[in-house]
Amino acid sequence: MADPTPDPPPAPAARGFPFLTAGAALAILFAFVGLVVWAYNSPNPLGGPKAEPAPDPAAKLAEVKARNRALLDGAGAKMSADAAAAELRARAKADGRLPFPIPEPAAPGAKKN
């Protein structure tokens, strides 16, 4: 009986170093690096004007507090926020329904101990 597996075909002859492929790969690498450097150094056409320096945080906080106080005291309010809190405290104290003891607010101009 004949052998069912034929002999493998002979291996192809070695061709040497692929200079063309290596040269093309290096050319593409340097082209890519060059384009990256060029894009990095070029001005950004989408970039707008530079941002202004950040304002002082204390001034910003004072401005926000002033706006909040103006909203609470004005804009159709029937009474100021301080007056409403004082009235609510007085009603709750008179009814004996304070959820927790609230110290009396210091009178304006009174010294704290």
N, C-alpha and C. Protein backbone atom coordinates (compact mmCIF):
# COMPACT_ATOMS: atom_id res chain seq x y z
N MET A 1 0.80 -1.15 0.00
CA MET A 1 0.00 0.00 0.00
C MET A 1 0.87 1.25 0.00
N ALA A 2 0.34 2.25 -0.62
CA ALA A 2 1.11 3.49 -0.77
C ALA A 2 0.96 4.36 0.47
N ASP A 3 1.96 5.13 0.74
CA ASP A 3 1.93 6.03 1.90
C ASP A 3 0.90 7.14 1.64
N PRO A 4 -0.14 7.34 2.53
CA PRO A 4 -1.19 8.32 2.27
C PRO A 4 -0.70 9.77 2.43
N THR A 5 0.35 10.03 3.17
CA THR A 5 0.82 11.41 3.34
C THR A 5 2.01 11.63 2.43
N PRO A 6 1.83 12.51 1.48
CA PRO A 6 2.97 12.76 0.59
C PRO A 6 4.04 13.59 1.31
N ASP A 7 5.19 13.64 0.75
CA ASP A 7 6.27 14.45 1.32
C ASP A 7 5.89 15.92 1.26
N PRO A 8 6.24 16.69 2.31
CA PRO A 8 5.92 18.12 2.29
C PRO A 8 6.68 18.82 1.17
N PRO A 9 6.11 19.91 0.67
CA PRO A 9 6.82 20.61 -0.41
C PRO A 9 8.10 21.23 0.13
N PRO A 10 9.04 21.46 -0.70
CA PRO A 10 10.32 22.03 -0.23
C PRO A 10 10.10 23.47 0.25
N ALA A 11 10.85 23.86 1.26
CA ALA A 11 10.74 25.21 1.82
C ALA A 11 11.28 26.21 0.80
N PRO A 12 10.60 27.42 0.74
CA PRO A 12 11.10 28.41 -0.21
C PRO A 12 12.47 28.92 0.21
N ALA A 13 13.21 29.38 -0.73
CA ALA A 13 14.56 29.88 -0.45
C ALA A 13 14.46 31.22 0.28
N ALA A 14 15.35 31.46 1.23
CA ALA A 14 15.37 32.71 1.98
C ALA A 14 15.71 33.85 1.04
N ARG A 15 14.97 34.98 1.18
CA ARG A 15 15.16 36.07 0.24
C ARG A 15 16.09 37.15 0.79
N GLY A 16 16.32 37.22 2.08
CA GLY A 16 17.18 38.25 2.66
C GLY A 16 16.35 39.27 3.44
N PHE A 17 16.99 40.32 3.87
CA PHE A 17 16.34 41.33 4.68
C PHE A 17 15.38 42.16 3.82
N PRO A 18 14.16 42.48 4.32
CA PRO A 18 13.19 43.27 3.53
C PRO A 18 13.47 44.77 3.65
N PHE A 19 14.46 45.23 2.90
CA PHE A 19 14.87 46.64 2.98
C PHE A 19 13.74 47.58 2.57
N LEU A 20 12.98 47.23 1.58
CA LEU A 20 11.91 48.09 1.10
C LEU A 20 10.82 48.25 2.18
N THR A 21 10.43 47.17 2.82
CA THR A 21 9.40 47.23 3.85
C THR A 21 9.90 48.03 5.06
N ALA A 22 11.12 47.78 5.50
CA ALA A 22 11.68 48.50 6.64
C ALA A 22 11.82 49.99 6.32
N GLY A 23 12.24 50.32 5.12
CA GLY A 23 12.38 51.72 4.72
C GLY A 23 11.03 52.42 4.69
N ALA A 24 10.00 51.75 4.17
CA ALA A 24 8.66 52.34 4.13
C ALA A 24 8.12 52.54 5.54
N ALA A 25 8.36 51.60 6.44
CA ALA A 25 7.90 51.73 7.82
C ALA A 25 8.59 52.91 8.51
N LEU A 26 9.88 53.06 8.31
CA LEU A 26 10.60 54.19 8.91
C LEU A 26 10.13 55.52 8.32
N ALA A 27 9.88 55.55 7.02
CA ALA A 27 9.39 56.79 6.39
C ALA A 27 8.03 57.18 6.97
N ILE A 28 7.17 56.22 7.15
CA ILE A 28 5.85 56.50 7.73
C ILE A 28 5.99 56.96 9.17
N LEU A 29 6.89 56.35 9.93
CA LEU A 29 7.11 56.74 11.31
C LEU A 29 7.59 58.19 11.40
N PHE A 30 8.59 58.56 10.60
CA PHE A 30 9.10 59.93 10.64
C PHE A 30 8.08 60.93 10.12
N ALA A 31 7.28 60.53 9.14
CA ALA A 31 6.22 61.42 8.65
C ALA A 31 5.20 61.66 9.77
N PHE A 32 4.84 60.63 10.49
CA PHE A 32 3.90 60.78 11.60
C PHE A 32 4.46 61.69 12.69
N VAL A 33 5.71 61.47 13.08
CA VAL A 33 6.34 62.30 14.11
C VAL A 33 6.41 63.75 13.64
N GLY A 34 6.74 63.96 12.38
CA GLY A 34 6.80 65.32 11.84
C GLY A 34 5.44 65.99 11.86
N LEU A 35 4.39 65.28 11.51
CA LEU A 35 3.05 65.85 11.54
C LEU A 35 2.61 66.16 12.97
N VAL A 36 2.98 65.33 13.91
CA VAL A 36 2.62 65.58 15.31
C VAL A 36 3.33 66.84 15.80
N VAL A 37 4.61 66.99 15.49
CA VAL A 37 5.34 68.19 15.91
C VAL A 37 4.76 69.42 15.24
N TRP A 38 4.43 69.33 13.98
CA TRP A 38 3.84 70.46 13.25
C TRP A 38 2.49 70.85 13.85
N ALA A 39 1.64 69.87 14.17
CA ALA A 39 0.34 70.16 14.75
C ALA A 39 0.49 70.73 16.16
N TYR A 40 1.47 70.28 16.90
CA TYR A 40 1.68 70.78 18.26
C TYR A 40 2.10 72.25 18.25
N ASN A 41 2.93 72.62 17.30
CA ASN A 41 3.46 73.98 17.25
C ASN A 41 2.56 74.96 16.52
N SER A 42 1.58 74.50 15.78
CA SER A 42 0.72 75.42 15.04
C SER A 42 -0.34 76.01 15.97
N PRO A 43 -0.81 77.23 15.68
CA PRO A 43 -1.84 77.83 16.54
C PRO A 43 -3.16 77.10 16.38
N ASN A 44 -3.96 77.12 17.45
CA ASN A 44 -5.24 76.42 17.44
C ASN A 44 -6.28 77.33 16.79
N PRO A 45 -6.84 76.95 15.65
CA PRO A 45 -7.84 77.81 15.00
C PRO A 45 -9.16 77.83 15.75
N LEU A 46 -9.43 76.85 16.58
CA LEU A 46 -10.68 76.79 17.32
C LEU A 46 -10.56 77.45 18.68
N GLY A 47 -9.37 77.74 19.09
CA GLY A 47 -9.17 78.34 20.41
C GLY A 47 -9.65 79.78 20.43
N GLY A 48 -10.49 80.07 21.39
CA GLY A 48 -11.01 81.42 21.52
C GLY A 48 -10.04 82.28 22.30
N PRO A 49 -10.52 83.43 22.74
CA PRO A 49 -9.65 84.29 23.55
C PRO A 49 -9.32 83.61 24.87
N LYS A 50 -8.22 83.98 25.41
CA LYS A 50 -7.80 83.37 26.68
C LYS A 50 -8.75 83.77 27.79
N ALA A 51 -8.95 82.87 28.71
CA ALA A 51 -9.88 83.11 29.82
C ALA A 51 -9.33 84.20 30.73
N GLU A 52 -10.24 84.98 31.28
CA GLU A 52 -9.84 86.02 32.21
C GLU A 52 -9.42 85.37 33.52
N PRO A 53 -8.56 86.02 34.26
CA PRO A 53 -8.15 85.43 35.54
C PRO A 53 -9.36 85.29 36.47
N ALA A 54 -9.33 84.27 37.28
CA ALA A 54 -10.45 83.99 38.18
C ALA A 54 -10.59 85.12 39.20
N PRO A 55 -11.82 85.52 39.50
CA PRO A 55 -12.01 86.59 40.49
C PRO A 55 -11.67 86.08 41.89
N ASP A 56 -11.53 87.02 42.79
CA ASP A 56 -11.23 86.71 44.17
C ASP A 56 -12.37 85.88 44.77
N PRO A 57 -12.08 84.71 45.37
CA PRO A 57 -13.16 83.88 45.92
C PRO A 57 -13.99 84.59 47.00
N ALA A 58 -13.36 85.42 47.81
CA ALA A 58 -14.10 86.12 48.87
C ALA A 58 -15.08 87.12 48.24
N ALA A 59 -14.65 87.80 47.19
CA ALA A 59 -15.54 88.76 46.52
C ALA A 59 -16.69 88.03 45.85
N LYS A 60 -16.39 86.90 45.25
CA LYS A 60 -17.44 86.10 44.59
C LYS A 60 -18.47 85.63 45.62
N LEU A 61 -17.99 85.16 46.78
CA LEU A 61 -18.88 84.69 47.84
C LEU A 61 -19.76 85.84 48.35
N ALA A 62 -19.16 87.01 48.52
CA ALA A 62 -19.93 88.16 48.98
C ALA A 62 -20.99 88.55 47.95
N GLU A 63 -20.64 88.46 46.68
CA GLU A 63 -21.61 88.78 45.63
C GLU A 63 -22.78 87.79 45.63
N VAL A 64 -22.48 86.51 45.78
CA VAL A 64 -23.53 85.49 45.80
C VAL A 64 -24.43 85.67 47.03
N LYS A 65 -23.83 85.96 48.19
CA LYS A 65 -24.62 86.19 49.39
C LYS A 65 -25.52 87.40 49.23
N ALA A 66 -25.00 88.46 48.61
CA ALA A 66 -25.80 89.67 48.40
C ALA A 66 -26.98 89.39 47.46
N ARG A 67 -26.73 88.62 46.41
CA ARG A 67 -27.82 88.27 45.48
C ARG A 67 -28.87 87.42 46.19
N ASN A 68 -28.43 86.45 46.98
CA ASN A 68 -29.38 85.60 47.71
C ASN A 68 -30.19 86.42 48.71
N ARG A 69 -29.55 87.34 49.42
CA ARG A 69 -30.25 88.17 50.38
C ARG A 69 -31.26 89.06 49.66
N ALA A 70 -30.89 89.59 48.49
CA ALA A 70 -31.81 90.43 47.72
C ALA A 70 -33.02 89.62 47.26
N LEU A 71 -32.79 88.36 46.89
CA LEU A 71 -33.92 87.51 46.48
C LEU A 71 -34.83 87.19 47.66
N LEU A 72 -34.24 86.93 48.82
CA LEU A 72 -35.06 86.60 49.99
C LEU A 72 -35.83 87.81 50.51
N ASP A 73 -35.23 89.01 50.45
CA ASP A 73 -35.86 90.20 51.01
C ASP A 73 -36.79 90.91 50.03
N GLY A 74 -36.60 90.70 48.75
CA GLY A 74 -37.38 91.46 47.78
C GLY A 74 -38.15 90.55 46.85
N ALA A 75 -38.42 91.06 45.69
CA ALA A 75 -39.08 90.32 44.61
C ALA A 75 -40.45 89.80 45.04
N GLY A 76 -41.28 90.67 45.59
CA GLY A 76 -42.64 90.27 45.90
C GLY A 76 -42.81 89.57 47.24
N ALA A 77 -41.78 89.52 48.04
CA ALA A 77 -41.90 88.88 49.35
C ALA A 77 -42.73 89.78 50.27
N LYS A 78 -43.58 89.19 51.08
CA LYS A 78 -44.44 89.97 51.98
C LYS A 78 -43.65 90.50 53.17
N MET A 79 -42.58 89.77 53.56
CA MET A 79 -41.73 90.25 54.65
C MET A 79 -40.33 89.69 54.42
N SER A 80 -39.37 90.28 55.08
CA SER A 80 -37.99 89.84 54.90
C SER A 80 -37.80 88.46 55.53
N ALA A 81 -36.72 87.82 55.15
CA ALA A 81 -36.44 86.48 55.66
C ALA A 81 -36.19 86.51 57.16
N ASP A 82 -35.51 87.55 57.65
CA ASP A 82 -35.24 87.64 59.09
C ASP A 82 -36.54 87.83 59.87
N ALA A 83 -37.43 88.68 59.35
CA ALA A 83 -38.70 88.91 60.04
C ALA A 83 -39.55 87.65 60.03
N ALA A 84 -39.55 86.91 58.92
CA ALA A 84 -40.33 85.67 58.84
C ALA A 84 -39.78 84.63 59.80
N ALA A 85 -38.45 84.53 59.92
CA ALA A 85 -37.85 83.57 60.85
C ALA A 85 -38.19 83.94 62.29
N ALA A 86 -38.15 85.23 62.60
CA ALA A 86 -38.48 85.67 63.97
C ALA A 86 -39.95 85.38 64.29
N GLU A 87 -40.84 85.61 63.33
CA GLU A 87 -42.26 85.33 63.56
C GLU A 87 -42.50 83.84 63.74
N LEU A 88 -41.86 83.03 62.94
CA LEU A 88 -42.01 81.59 63.04
C LEU A 88 -41.49 81.08 64.38
N ARG A 89 -40.36 81.62 64.82
CA ARG A 89 -39.80 81.24 66.11
C ARG A 89 -40.74 81.62 67.24
N ALA A 90 -41.33 82.81 67.17
CA ALA A 90 -42.24 83.27 68.22
C ALA A 90 -43.49 82.40 68.26
N ARG A 91 -44.05 82.06 67.09
CA ARG A 91 -45.24 81.19 67.06
C ARG A 91 -44.94 79.81 67.62
N ALA A 92 -43.82 79.22 67.20
CA ALA A 92 -43.47 77.88 67.66
C ALA A 92 -43.19 77.88 69.16
N LYS A 93 -42.58 78.94 69.66
CA LYS A 93 -42.27 79.02 71.08
C LYS A 93 -43.57 79.19 71.88
N ALA A 94 -44.51 79.97 71.36
CA ALA A 94 -45.77 80.18 72.06
C ALA A 94 -46.59 78.90 72.09
N ASP A 95 -46.55 78.13 71.03
CA ASP A 95 -47.30 76.87 70.97
C ASP A 95 -46.58 75.75 71.71
N GLY A 96 -45.32 75.95 72.07
CA GLY A 96 -44.55 74.92 72.73
C GLY A 96 -44.17 73.78 71.79
N ARG A 97 -44.05 74.08 70.52
CA ARG A 97 -43.74 73.03 69.54
C ARG A 97 -42.35 73.18 68.94
N LEU A 98 -41.43 73.63 69.70
CA LEU A 98 -40.07 73.73 69.18
C LEU A 98 -39.48 72.33 69.09
N PRO A 99 -38.97 71.93 67.94
CA PRO A 99 -38.40 70.58 67.82
C PRO A 99 -37.11 70.42 68.61
N PHE A 100 -36.44 71.49 68.88
CA PHE A 100 -35.23 71.46 69.67
C PHE A 100 -35.04 72.86 70.23
N PRO A 101 -34.31 72.99 71.32
CA PRO A 101 -34.16 74.33 71.90
C PRO A 101 -33.36 75.24 70.98
N ILE A 102 -33.92 76.41 70.74
CA ILE A 102 -33.26 77.39 69.88
C ILE A 102 -32.85 78.56 70.76
N PRO A 103 -31.59 78.90 70.77
CA PRO A 103 -31.19 80.06 71.57
C PRO A 103 -31.74 81.33 70.93
N GLU A 104 -32.07 82.28 71.76
CA GLU A 104 -32.59 83.55 71.27
C GLU A 104 -31.48 84.24 70.46
N PRO A 105 -31.84 84.81 69.31
CA PRO A 105 -30.81 85.51 68.55
C PRO A 105 -30.35 86.77 69.29
N ALA A 106 -29.09 87.06 69.15
CA ALA A 106 -28.54 88.24 69.83
C ALA A 106 -29.10 89.49 69.16
N ALA A 107 -29.38 90.47 69.97
CA ALA A 107 -29.89 91.73 69.44
C ALA A 107 -28.76 92.40 68.67
N PRO A 108 -29.10 93.13 67.61
CA PRO A 108 -28.05 93.81 66.85
C PRO A 108 -27.29 94.78 67.76
N GLY A 109 -26.01 94.73 67.68
CA GLY A 109 -25.16 95.59 68.49
C GLY A 109 -24.78 94.99 69.82
N ALA A 110 -25.36 93.84 70.20
CA ALA A 110 -25.01 93.22 71.48
C ALA A 110 -23.70 92.46 71.33
N LYS A 111 -22.92 92.45 72.41
CA LYS A 111 -21.64 91.74 72.37
C LYS A 111 -21.84 90.26 72.65
N LYS A 112 -21.00 89.46 72.00
CA LYS A 112 -21.00 88.01 72.27
C LYS A 112 -19.99 87.72 73.37
N ASN A 113 -20.30 86.76 74.22
CA ASN A 113 -19.37 86.41 75.30
C ASN A 113 -18.31 85.51 74.80
